[in-house]
Protein backbone atom coordinates (compact mmCIF):
# COMPACT_ATOMS: atom_id res chain seq x y z
CA MET A 1 2.85 15.66 -7.41
CA PRO A 2 -0.34 13.15 -7.91
CA ARG A 3 -3.29 12.83 -5.28
CA THR A 4 -4.62 9.99 -4.57
CA VAL A 5 -8.56 9.11 -4.79
CA TYR A 6 -10.71 5.88 -4.04
CA ALA A 7 -13.27 4.38 -6.54
CA HIS A 8 -16.64 4.25 -5.46
CA GLN A 9 -18.89 1.19 -5.69
CA ARG A 10 -19.26 0.82 -9.33
CA ASP A 11 -17.25 3.27 -10.25
CA THR A 12 -15.12 3.40 -13.77
CA LEU A 13 -12.17 5.41 -14.46
CA ASP A 14 -14.09 7.64 -16.63
CA ALA A 15 -16.31 8.47 -13.87
CA ILE A 16 -13.86 9.42 -11.43
CA CYS A 17 -12.28 11.69 -13.92
CA HIS A 18 -15.35 13.78 -14.71
CA ARG A 19 -16.51 13.80 -10.84
CA VAL A 20 -12.91 15.00 -10.19
CA PHE A 21 -11.96 17.31 -13.13
CA GLY A 22 -15.40 18.00 -15.45
CA GLN A 23 -14.54 16.40 -17.97
CA THR A 24 -12.63 13.07 -19.34
CA ALA A 25 -10.65 14.01 -22.65
CA GLY A 26 -7.20 13.98 -22.24
CA ILE A 27 -7.10 13.23 -18.65
CA THR A 28 -8.46 9.74 -18.76
CA GLU A 29 -5.50 8.44 -20.90
CA GLN A 30 -3.03 10.05 -18.26
CA VAL A 31 -4.40 8.56 -15.26
CA LEU A 32 -3.74 5.32 -17.14
CA GLU A 33 -0.31 5.99 -17.61
CA LEU A 34 -0.20 7.04 -13.98
CA ASN A 35 -1.57 3.71 -12.65
CA PRO A 36 -0.23 0.98 -14.50
CA GLY A 37 -2.25 -2.74 -14.49
CA ILE A 38 -5.53 -0.60 -13.43
CA ALA A 39 -7.37 -1.10 -17.10
CA GLU A 40 -6.45 -4.92 -16.33
CA LEU A 41 -9.02 -4.71 -13.41
CA GLY A 42 -11.90 -4.43 -15.75
CA PRO A 43 -13.95 -0.99 -17.03
CA VAL A 44 -15.98 -0.92 -13.29
CA LEU A 45 -13.36 -0.64 -10.45
CA PRO A 46 -13.69 -2.49 -7.59
CA GLN A 47 -14.48 -0.34 -4.64
CA GLY A 48 -11.79 0.86 -2.67
CA THR A 49 -9.31 0.92 -5.60
CA PRO A 50 -6.72 3.65 -5.15
CA VAL A 51 -6.45 5.86 -8.15
CA ARG A 52 -3.45 8.21 -8.90
CA LEU A 53 -4.47 11.32 -10.37
CA PRO A 54 -2.59 14.08 -12.37
CA ASP A 55 -1.99 17.65 -11.32
CA ILE A 56 -3.88 19.46 -13.73
CA THR A 57 -2.82 23.01 -13.91
CA GLN A 58 -4.38 23.57 -17.54
CA GLN A 59 -7.45 22.18 -18.56
CA PRO A 60 -6.74 20.13 -21.89
CA GLN A 61 -7.70 21.93 -25.07
CA ARG A 62 -11.37 21.02 -25.93
CA THR A 63 -11.68 20.73 -30.06
CA LYS A 64 -14.29 23.02 -31.57
CA THR A 65 -17.91 21.39 -32.19
CA VAL A 66 -19.29 21.72 -35.68
CA GLN A 67 -22.88 21.98 -36.01
CA LEU A 68 -24.16 19.91 -39.00
CA TRP A 69 -27.82 20.83 -39.00
CA ASP A 70 -29.69 23.71 -38.43
């Protein structure tokens, strides 16, 4: 069951995902799907905007980082 958090002053969707989950990759897309129309509010959400968050039981798999220079 998704839970709801509320945007702080000058919050972005990415900032909320990072604050709650510790990362944004793969999660921000799920949050956008759960909150139709939220993108139309702009990059900075109005303070107090309710944001439904997905239940994440397994962290999205991260891609391997390749170091190009030593």
